[in-house]
Amino acid sequence: MEILPSEMEALGIFGSIIFSAFGLAEFFYQTIEFIAKQLSHNSSYYWLATALIAILILYVRDDLTRYVVMASFLMIVRWILAGFAVARSHSQ
C-alpha cells in the first residue's frame, strides 16, 4: 500500500536535503559569531580567514570547487534571508 505518491516522496527528500544544508550554514555562521564574541574579536577577521581557506582549498584541490561554491551560495542566501527578517522586524 502506497501512502504518499512518489512525487511527494521525492519532494520530501529534496526538502530535507535543502533544509539540512541551510541548517548547517546557520550552524557555521552562529559558530563563527560565537567564537568571535567569546574572544572579544571582530568577526570580520574570522570571515576573512574562512574566505582565505576556501580560496586555498580551491587552489589546491580542483575537485572540491563545486562544494565550496555551493557552501558559499548557501551562506549568501542565508545572509539575504536574515537581512530580510531583520528589515521586516524593524519595520513593524
PDB file of N, CA and C in Angstrom:
ATOM      1  N   MET A   1       0.838  -1.181   0.000  1.00  0.00           N
ATOM      2  CA  MET A   1       0.000   0.000   0.000  1.00  0.00           C
ATOM      3  C   MET A   1       0.885   1.247   0.000  1.00  0.00           C
ATOM      4  N   GLU A   2       0.626   2.132  -0.934  1.00  0.00           N
ATOM      5  CA  GLU A   2       1.417   3.351  -1.074  1.00  0.00           C
ATOM      6  C   GLU A   2       0.720   4.487  -0.340  1.00  0.00           C
ATOM      7  N   ILE A   3       1.401   5.061   0.632  1.00  0.00           N
ATOM      8  CA  ILE A   3       0.809   6.131   1.425  1.00  0.00           C
ATOM      9  C   ILE A   3       0.948   7.472   0.709  1.00  0.00           C
ATOM     10  N   LEU A   4       2.140   7.758   0.228  1.00  0.00           N
ATOM     11  CA  LEU A   4       2.382   9.006  -0.496  1.00  0.00           C
ATOM     12  C   LEU A   4       2.754   8.704  -1.935  1.00  0.00           C
ATOM     13  N   PRO A   5       2.341   9.551  -2.853  1.00  0.00           N
ATOM     14  CA  PRO A   5       2.794   9.356  -4.232  1.00  0.00           C
ATOM     15  C   PRO A   5       4.309   9.554  -4.320  1.00  0.00           C
ATOM     16  N   SER A   6       4.923   8.984  -5.326  1.00  0.00           N
ATOM     17  CA  SER A   6       6.378   9.059  -5.440  1.00  0.00           C
ATOM     18  C   SER A   6       6.861  10.498  -5.620  1.00  0.00           C
ATOM     19  N   GLU A   7       6.044  11.363  -6.217  1.00  0.00           N
ATOM     20  CA  GLU A   7       6.433  12.765  -6.372  1.00  0.00           C
ATOM     21  C   GLU A   7       6.556  13.448  -5.014  1.00  0.00           C
ATOM     22  N   MET A   8       5.631  13.154  -4.121  1.00  0.00           N
ATOM     23  CA  MET A   8       5.679  13.738  -2.776  1.00  0.00           C
ATOM     24  C   MET A   8       6.870  13.203  -2.001  1.00  0.00           C
ATOM     25  N   GLU A   9       7.168  11.943  -2.202  1.00  0.00           N
ATOM     26  CA  GLU A   9       8.310  11.334  -1.532  1.00  0.00           C
ATOM     27  C   GLU A   9       9.605  12.016  -1.981  1.00  0.00           C
ATOM     28  N   ALA A  10       9.741  12.228  -3.288  1.00  0.00           N
ATOM     29  CA  ALA A  10      10.934  12.895  -3.821  1.00  0.00           C
ATOM     30  C   ALA A  10      11.005  14.340  -3.327  1.00  0.00           C
ATOM     31  N   LEU A  11       9.870  15.018  -3.262  1.00  0.00           N
ATOM     32  CA  LEU A  11       9.836  16.386  -2.767  1.00  0.00           C
ATOM     33  C   LEU A  11      10.248  16.443  -1.298  1.00  0.00           C
ATOM     34  N   GLY A  12       9.807  15.473  -0.524  1.00  0.00           N
ATOM     35  CA  GLY A  12      10.190  15.413   0.879  1.00  0.00           C
ATOM     36  C   GLY A  12      11.677  15.175   1.067  1.00  0.00           C
ATOM     37  N   ILE A  13      12.238  14.300   0.266  1.00  0.00           N
ATOM     38  CA  ILE A  13      13.676  14.039   0.349  1.00  0.00           C
ATOM     39  C   ILE A  13      14.458  15.278  -0.061  1.00  0.00           C
ATOM     40  N   PHE A  14      14.058  15.898  -1.165  1.00  0.00           N
ATOM     41  CA  PHE A  14      14.729  17.105  -1.639  1.00  0.00           C
ATOM     42  C   PHE A  14      14.618  18.226  -0.600  1.00  0.00           C
ATOM     43  N   GLY A  15      13.447  18.394  -0.024  1.00  0.00           N
ATOM     44  CA  GLY A  15      13.252  19.414   1.014  1.00  0.00           C
ATOM     45  C   GLY A  15      14.097  19.151   2.242  1.00  0.00           C
ATOM     46  N   SER A  16      14.222  17.899   2.624  1.00  0.00           N
ATOM     47  CA  SER A  16      15.051  17.549   3.778  1.00  0.00           C
ATOM     48  C   SER A  16      16.518  17.867   3.526  1.00  0.00           C
ATOM     49  N   ILE A  17      16.974  17.599   2.313  1.00  0.00           N
ATOM     50  CA  ILE A  17      18.366  17.890   1.980  1.00  0.00           C
ATOM     51  C   ILE A  17      18.612  19.398   1.998  1.00  0.00           C
ATOM     52  N   ILE A  18      17.695  20.163   1.403  1.00  0.00           N
ATOM     53  CA  ILE A  18      17.837  21.621   1.387  1.00  0.00           C
ATOM     54  C   ILE A  18      17.775  22.181   2.805  1.00  0.00           C
ATOM     55  N   PHE A  19      16.843  21.719   3.605  1.00  0.00           N
ATOM     56  CA  PHE A  19      16.702  22.187   4.979  1.00  0.00           C
ATOM     57  C   PHE A  19      17.955  21.868   5.781  1.00  0.00           C
ATOM     58  N   SER A  20      18.494  20.674   5.604  1.00  0.00           N
ATOM     59  CA  SER A  20      19.720  20.290   6.311  1.00  0.00           C
ATOM     60  C   SER A  20      20.898  21.158   5.892  1.00  0.00           C
ATOM     61  N   ALA A  21      20.999  21.452   4.601  1.00  0.00           N
ATOM     62  CA  ALA A  21      22.095  22.300   4.120  1.00  0.00           C
ATOM     63  C   ALA A  21      22.009  23.697   4.720  1.00  0.00           C
ATOM     64  N   PHE A  22      20.806  24.266   4.753  1.00  0.00           N
ATOM     65  CA  PHE A  22      20.650  25.586   5.354  1.00  0.00           C
ATOM     66  C   PHE A  22      20.863  25.535   6.865  1.00  0.00           C
ATOM     67  N   GLY A  23      20.502  24.431   7.489  1.00  0.00           N
ATOM     68  CA  GLY A  23      20.780  24.264   8.916  1.00  0.00           C
ATOM     69  C   GLY A  23      22.267  24.241   9.207  1.00  0.00           C
ATOM     70  N   LEU A  24      23.026  23.563   8.364  1.00  0.00           N
ATOM     71  CA  LEU A  24      24.482  23.551   8.526  1.00  0.00           C
ATOM     72  C   LEU A  24      25.084  24.929   8.278  1.00  0.00           C
ATOM     73  N   ALA A  25      24.556  25.651   7.300  1.00  0.00           N
ATOM     74  CA  ALA A  25      25.036  27.012   7.043  1.00  0.00           C
ATOM     75  C   ALA A  25      24.768  27.911   8.243  1.00  0.00           C
ATOM     76  N   GLU A  26      23.595  27.800   8.824  1.00  0.00           N
ATOM     77  CA  GLU A  26      23.252  28.596  10.010  1.00  0.00           C
ATOM     78  C   GLU A  26      24.134  28.209  11.196  1.00  0.00           C
ATOM     79  N   PHE A  27      24.372  26.913  11.374  1.00  0.00           N
ATOM     80  CA  PHE A  27      25.245  26.444  12.452  1.00  0.00           C
ATOM     81  C   PHE A  27      26.657  26.994  12.280  1.00  0.00           C
ATOM     82  N   PHE A  28      27.176  26.972  11.053  1.00  0.00           N
ATOM     83  CA  PHE A  28      28.507  27.502  10.783  1.00  0.00           C
ATOM     84  C   PHE A  28      28.566  28.989  11.085  1.00  0.00           C
ATOM     85  N   TYR A  29      27.558  29.726  10.657  1.00  0.00           N
ATOM     86  CA  TYR A  29      27.512  31.172  10.901  1.00  0.00           C
ATOM     87  C   TYR A  29      27.477  31.464  12.399  1.00  0.00           C
ATOM     88  N   GLN A  30      26.613  30.780  13.129  1.00  0.00           N
ATOM     89  CA  GLN A  30      26.495  31.015  14.563  1.00  0.00           C
ATOM     90  C   GLN A  30      27.774  30.635  15.303  1.00  0.00           C
ATOM     91  N   THR A  31      28.453  29.595  14.837  1.00  0.00           N
ATOM     92  CA  THR A  31      29.715  29.185  15.461  1.00  0.00           C
ATOM     93  C   THR A  31      30.777  30.265  15.297  1.00  0.00           C
ATOM     94  N   ILE A  32      30.911  30.805  14.092  1.00  0.00           N
ATOM     95  CA  ILE A  32      31.896  31.868  13.848  1.00  0.00           C
ATOM     96  C   ILE A  32      31.581  33.090  14.705  1.00  0.00           C
ATOM     97  N   GLU A  33      30.324  33.489  14.740  1.00  0.00           N
ATOM     98  CA  GLU A  33      29.941  34.660  15.530  1.00  0.00           C
ATOM     99  C   GLU A  33      30.141  34.413  17.030  1.00  0.00           C
ATOM    100  N   PHE A  34      29.856  33.213  17.498  1.00  0.00           N
ATOM    101  CA  PHE A  34      30.028  32.885  18.917  1.00  0.00           C
ATOM    102  C   PHE A  34      31.499  32.930  19.310  1.00  0.00           C
ATOM    103  N   ILE A  35      32.355  32.338  18.487  1.00  0.00           N
ATOM    104  CA  ILE A  35      33.788  32.337  18.787  1.00  0.00           C
ATOM    105  C   ILE A  35      34.321  33.765  18.813  1.00  0.00           C
ATOM    106  N   ALA A  36      33.917  34.574  17.842  1.00  0.00           N
ATOM    107  CA  ALA A  36      34.376  35.968  17.804  1.00  0.00           C
ATOM    108  C   ALA A  36      33.915  36.730  19.047  1.00  0.00           C
ATOM    109  N   LYS A  37      32.687  36.491  19.467  1.00  0.00           N
ATOM    110  CA  LYS A  37      32.165  37.192  20.644  1.00  0.00           C
ATOM    111  C   LYS A  37      32.869  36.731  21.915  1.00  0.00           C
ATOM    112  N   GLN A  38      33.105  35.436  22.045  1.00  0.00           N
ATOM    113  CA  GLN A  38      33.764  34.920  23.236  1.00  0.00           C
ATOM    114  C   GLN A  38      35.200  35.430  23.368  1.00  0.00           C
ATOM    115  N   LEU A  39      35.864  35.615  22.247  1.00  0.00           N
ATOM    116  CA  LEU A  39      37.246  36.090  22.269  1.00  0.00           C
ATOM    117  C   LEU A  39      37.337  37.607  22.137  1.00  0.00           C
ATOM    118  N   SER A  40      36.194  38.290  22.138  1.00  0.00           N
ATOM    119  CA  SER A  40      36.111  39.755  22.021  1.00  0.00           C
ATOM    120  C   SER A  40      36.829  40.264  20.778  1.00  0.00           C
ATOM    121  N   HIS A  41      36.640  39.570  19.685  1.00  0.00           N
ATOM    122  CA  HIS A  41      37.233  39.967  18.411  1.00  0.00           C
ATOM    123  C   HIS A  41      36.139  40.403  17.453  1.00  0.00           C
ATOM    124  N   ASN A  42      36.557  41.065  16.395  1.00  0.00           N
ATOM    125  CA  ASN A  42      35.650  41.422  15.312  1.00  0.00           C
ATOM    126  C   ASN A  42      35.485  40.184  14.427  1.00  0.00           C
ATOM    127  N   SER A  43      34.261  39.819  14.121  1.00  0.00           N
ATOM    128  CA  SER A  43      34.028  38.601  13.344  1.00  0.00           C
ATOM    129  C   SER A  43      34.501  38.727  11.900  1.00  0.00           C
ATOM    130  N   SER A  44      34.773  39.950  11.452  1.00  0.00           N
ATOM    131  CA  SER A  44      35.249  40.133  10.075  1.00  0.00           C
ATOM    132  C   SER A  44      36.558  39.387   9.836  1.00  0.00           C
ATOM    133  N   TYR A  45      37.405  39.328  10.854  1.00  0.00           N
ATOM    134  CA  TYR A  45      38.673  38.614  10.710  1.00  0.00           C
ATOM    135  C   TYR A  45      38.443  37.118  10.521  1.00  0.00           C
ATOM    136  N   TYR A  46      37.460  36.574  11.199  1.00  0.00           N
ATOM    137  CA  TYR A  46      37.155  35.151  11.069  1.00  0.00           C
ATOM    138  C   TYR A  46      36.570  34.843   9.695  1.00  0.00           C
ATOM    139  N   TRP A  47      35.717  35.763   9.193  1.00  0.00           N
ATOM    140  CA  TRP A  47      35.161  35.558   7.857  1.00  0.00           C
ATOM    141  C   TRP A  47      36.244  35.691   6.796  1.00  0.00           C
ATOM    142  N   LEU A  48      37.190  36.592   7.005  1.00  0.00           N
ATOM    143  CA  LEU A  48      38.313  36.721   6.084  1.00  0.00           C
ATOM    144  C   LEU A  48      39.151  35.446   6.081  1.00  0.00           C
ATOM    145  N   ALA A  49      39.406  34.896   7.271  1.00  0.00           N
ATOM    146  CA  ALA A  49      40.164  33.644   7.356  1.00  0.00           C
ATOM    147  C   ALA A  49      39.416  32.505   6.673  1.00  0.00           C
ATOM    148  N   THR A  50      38.105  32.471   6.838  1.00  0.00           N
ATOM    149  CA  THR A  50      37.301  31.436   6.186  1.00  0.00           C
ATOM    150  C   THR A  50      37.372  31.567   4.668  1.00  0.00           C
ATOM    151  N   ALA A  51      37.301  32.796   4.167  1.00  0.00           N
ATOM    152  CA  ALA A  51      37.399  33.019   2.723  1.00  0.00           C
ATOM    153  C   ALA A  51      38.775  32.627   2.197  1.00  0.00           C
ATOM    154  N   LEU A  52      39.826  32.942   2.945  1.00  0.00           N
ATOM    155  CA  LEU A  52      41.172  32.564   2.518  1.00  0.00           C
ATOM    156  C   LEU A  52      41.355  31.051   2.497  1.00  0.00           C
ATOM    157  N   ILE A  53      40.785  30.371   3.480  1.00  0.00           N
ATOM    158  CA  ILE A  53      40.847  28.905   3.495  1.00  0.00           C
ATOM    159  C   ILE A  53      40.100  28.332   2.300  1.00  0.00           C
ATOM    160  N   ALA A  54      38.946  28.914   1.982  1.00  0.00           N
ATOM    161  CA  ALA A  54      38.183  28.445   0.822  1.00  0.00           C
ATOM    162  C   ALA A  54      38.973  28.651  -0.471  1.00  0.00           C
ATOM    163  N   ILE A  55      39.633  29.799  -0.601  1.00  0.00           N
ATOM    164  CA  ILE A  55      40.442  30.062  -1.788  1.00  0.00           C
ATOM    165  C   ILE A  55      41.606  29.084  -1.861  1.00  0.00           C
ATOM    166  N   LEU A  56      42.228  28.806  -0.733  1.00  0.00           N
ATOM    167  CA  LEU A  56      43.333  27.844  -0.703  1.00  0.00           C
ATOM    168  C   LEU A  56      42.865  26.449  -1.090  1.00  0.00           C
ATOM    169  N   ILE A  57      41.695  26.058  -0.598  1.00  0.00           N
ATOM    170  CA  ILE A  57      41.138  24.748  -0.974  1.00  0.00           C
ATOM    171  C   ILE A  57      40.881  24.701  -2.479  1.00  0.00           C
ATOM    172  N   LEU A  58      40.340  25.773  -3.033  1.00  0.00           N
ATOM    173  CA  LEU A  58      40.081  25.811  -4.472  1.00  0.00           C
ATOM    174  C   LEU A  58      41.372  25.735  -5.280  1.00  0.00           C
ATOM    175  N   TYR A  59      42.421  26.348  -4.760  1.00  0.00           N
ATOM    176  CA  TYR A  59      43.699  26.340  -5.467  1.00  0.00           C
ATOM    177  C   TYR A  59      44.363  24.961  -5.406  1.00  0.00           C
ATOM    178  N   VAL A  60      44.279  24.304  -4.259  1.00  0.00           N
ATOM    179  CA  VAL A  60      44.965  23.030  -4.064  1.00  0.00           C
ATOM    180  C   VAL A  60      44.171  21.861  -4.639  1.00  0.00           C
ATOM    181  N   ARG A  61      42.855  21.859  -4.430  1.00  0.00           N
ATOM    182  CA  ARG A  61      42.015  20.735  -4.846  1.00  0.00           C
ATOM    183  C   ARG A  61      40.919  21.213  -5.787  1.00  0.00           C
ATOM    184  N   ASP A  62      41.117  21.025  -7.069  1.00  0.00           N
ATOM    185  CA  ASP A  62      40.140  21.466  -8.062  1.00  0.00           C
ATOM    186  C   ASP A  62      38.829  20.698  -7.980  1.00  0.00           C
ATOM    187  N   ASP A  63      38.875  19.463  -7.504  1.00  0.00           N
ATOM    188  CA  ASP A  63      37.658  18.652  -7.462  1.00  0.00           C
ATOM    189  C   ASP A  63      36.684  19.106  -6.377  1.00  0.00           C
ATOM    190  N   LEU A  64      37.114  19.966  -5.469  1.00  0.00           N
ATOM    191  CA  LEU A  64      36.230  20.446  -4.401  1.00  0.00           C
ATOM    192  C   LEU A  64      35.572  21.782  -4.735  1.00  0.00           C
ATOM    193  N   THR A  65      35.764  22.260  -5.946  1.00  0.00           N
ATOM    194  CA  THR A  65      35.250  23.574  -6.328  1.00  0.00           C
ATOM    195  C   THR A  65      33.741  23.664  -6.169  1.00  0.00           C
ATOM    196  N   ARG A  66      33.020  22.667  -6.642  1.00  0.00           N
ATOM    197  CA  ARG A  66      31.551  22.760  -6.577  1.00  0.00           C
ATOM    198  C   ARG A  66      31.036  22.779  -5.146  1.00  0.00           C
ATOM    199  N   TYR A  67      31.735  22.102  -4.222  1.00  0.00           N
ATOM    200  CA  TYR A  67      31.294  22.096  -2.834  1.00  0.00           C
ATOM    201  C   TYR A  67      31.543  23.454  -2.168  1.00  0.00           C
ATOM    202  N   VAL A  68      32.669  24.062  -2.474  1.00  0.00           N
ATOM    203  CA  VAL A  68      32.956  25.389  -1.922  1.00  0.00           C
ATOM    204  C   VAL A  68      31.985  26.418  -2.486  1.00  0.00           C
ATOM    205  N   VAL A  69      31.688  26.335  -3.769  1.00  0.00           N
ATOM    206  CA  VAL A  69      30.734  27.256  -4.386  1.00  0.00           C
ATOM    207  C   VAL A  69      29.337  27.048  -3.792  1.00  0.00           C
ATOM    208  N   MET A  70      28.949  25.796  -3.583  1.00  0.00           N
ATOM    209  CA  MET A  70      27.639  25.511  -3.001  1.00  0.00           C
ATOM    210  C   MET A  70      27.552  26.045  -1.567  1.00  0.00           C
ATOM    211  N   ALA A  71      28.610  25.862  -0.776  1.00  0.00           N
ATOM    212  CA  ALA A  71      28.617  26.381   0.587  1.00  0.00           C
ATOM    213  C   ALA A  71      28.553  27.907   0.583  1.00  0.00           C
ATOM    214  N   SER A  72      29.286  28.532  -0.339  1.00  0.00           N
ATOM    215  CA  SER A  72      29.255  29.994  -0.443  1.00  0.00           C
ATOM    216  C   SER A  72      27.860  30.478  -0.828  1.00  0.00           C
ATOM    217  N   PHE A  73      27.225  29.791  -1.761  1.00  0.00           N
ATOM    218  CA  PHE A  73      25.873  30.152  -2.173  1.00  0.00           C
ATOM    219  C   PHE A  73      24.898  30.026  -1.000  1.00  0.00           C
ATOM    220  N   LEU A  74      25.019  28.965  -0.219  1.00  0.00           N
ATOM    221  CA  LEU A  74      24.138  28.792   0.935  1.00  0.00           C
ATOM    222  C   LEU A  74      24.321  29.914   1.952  1.00  0.00           C
ATOM    223  N   MET A  75      25.571  30.316   2.180  1.00  0.00           N
ATOM    224  CA  MET A  75      25.812  31.396   3.133  1.00  0.00           C
ATOM    225  C   MET A  75      25.256  32.723   2.611  1.00  0.00           C
ATOM    226  N   ILE A  76      25.391  32.977   1.318  1.00  0.00           N
ATOM    227  CA  ILE A  76      24.850  34.213   0.752  1.00  0.00           C
ATOM    228  C   ILE A  76      23.325  34.230   0.869  1.00  0.00           C
ATOM    229  N   VAL A  77      22.674  33.128   0.547  1.00  0.00           N
ATOM    230  CA  VAL A  77      21.217  33.054   0.672  1.00  0.00           C
ATOM    231  C   VAL A  77      20.802  33.216   2.130  1.00  0.00           C
ATOM    232  N   ARG A  78      21.568  32.624   3.046  1.00  0.00           N
ATOM    233  CA  ARG A  78      21.279  32.748   4.472  1.00  0.00           C
ATOM    234  C   ARG A  78      21.363  34.211   4.904  1.00  0.00           C
ATOM    235  N   TRP A  79      22.391  34.931   4.457  1.00  0.00           N
ATOM    236  CA  TRP A  79      22.530  36.337   4.820  1.00  0.00           C
ATOM    237  C   TRP A  79      21.407  37.180   4.223  1.00  0.00           C
ATOM    238  N   ILE A  80      20.986  36.874   3.030  1.00  0.00           N
ATOM    239  CA  ILE A  80      19.884  37.612   2.412  1.00  0.00           C
ATOM    240  C   ILE A  80      18.589  37.383   3.189  1.00  0.00           C
ATOM    241  N   LEU A  81      18.305  36.137   3.523  1.00  0.00           N
ATOM    242  CA  LEU A  81      17.090  35.838   4.297  1.00  0.00           C
ATOM    243  C   LEU A  81      17.131  36.483   5.674  1.00  0.00           C
ATOM    244  N   ALA A  82      18.290  36.446   6.322  1.00  0.00           N
ATOM    245  CA  ALA A  82      18.411  37.083   7.636  1.00  0.00           C
ATOM    246  C   ALA A  82      18.250  38.593   7.519  1.00  0.00           C
ATOM    247  N   GLY A  83      18.779  39.182   6.461  1.00  0.00           N
ATOM    248  CA  GLY A  83      18.618  40.624   6.244  1.00  0.00           C
ATOM    249  C   GLY A  83      17.166  41.015   6.051  1.00  0.00           C
ATOM    250  N   PHE A  84      16.435  40.213   5.270  1.00  0.00           N
ATOM    251  CA  PHE A  84      15.005  40.479   5.089  1.00  0.00           C
ATOM    252  C   PHE A  84      14.248  40.336   6.416  1.00  0.00           C
ATOM    253  N   ALA A  85      14.623  39.348   7.227  1.00  0.00           N
ATOM    254  CA  ALA A  85      13.951  39.142   8.504  1.00  0.00           C
ATOM    255  C   ALA A  85      14.208  40.321   9.436  1.00  0.00           C
ATOM    256  N   VAL A  86      15.432  40.819   9.477  1.00  0.00           N
ATOM    257  CA  VAL A  86      15.762  41.962  10.332  1.00  0.00           C
ATOM    258  C   VAL A  86      15.049  43.224   9.829  1.00  0.00           C
ATOM    259  N   ALA A  87      15.054  43.425   8.523  1.00  0.00           N
ATOM    260  CA  ALA A  87      14.383  44.606   7.963  1.00  0.00           C
ATOM    261  C   ALA A  87      12.877  44.564   8.245  1.00  0.00           C
ATOM    262  N   ARG A  88      12.310  43.386   8.159  1.00  0.00           N
ATOM    263  CA  ARG A  88      10.882  43.268   8.425  1.00  0.00           C
ATOM    264  C   ARG A  88      10.571  43.501   9.901  1.00  0.00           C
ATOM    265  N   SER A  89      11.434  43.006  10.795  1.00  0.00           N
ATOM    266  CA  SER A  89      11.170  43.200  12.224  1.00  0.00           C
ATOM    267  C   SER A  89      11.340  44.669  12.631  1.00  0.00           C
ATOM    268  N   HIS A  90      12.216  45.408  11.946  1.00  0.00           N
ATOM    269  CA  HIS A  90      12.389  46.832  12.247  1.00  0.00           C
ATOM    270  C   HIS A  90      11.248  47.664  11.690  1.00  0.00           C
ATOM    271  N   SER A  91      10.596  47.194  10.632  1.00  0.00           N
ATOM    272  CA  SER A  91       9.520  47.978  10.033  1.00  0.00           C
ATOM    273  C   SER A  91       8.205  47.841  10.816  1.00  0.00           C
ATOM    274  N   GLN A  92       8.106  46.863  11.665  1.00  0.00           N
ATOM    275  CA  GLN A  92       6.844  46.674  12.406  1.00  0.00           C
ATOM    276  C   GLN A  92       6.880  47.288  13.770  1.00  0.00           C
TER     277      GLN A  92
END
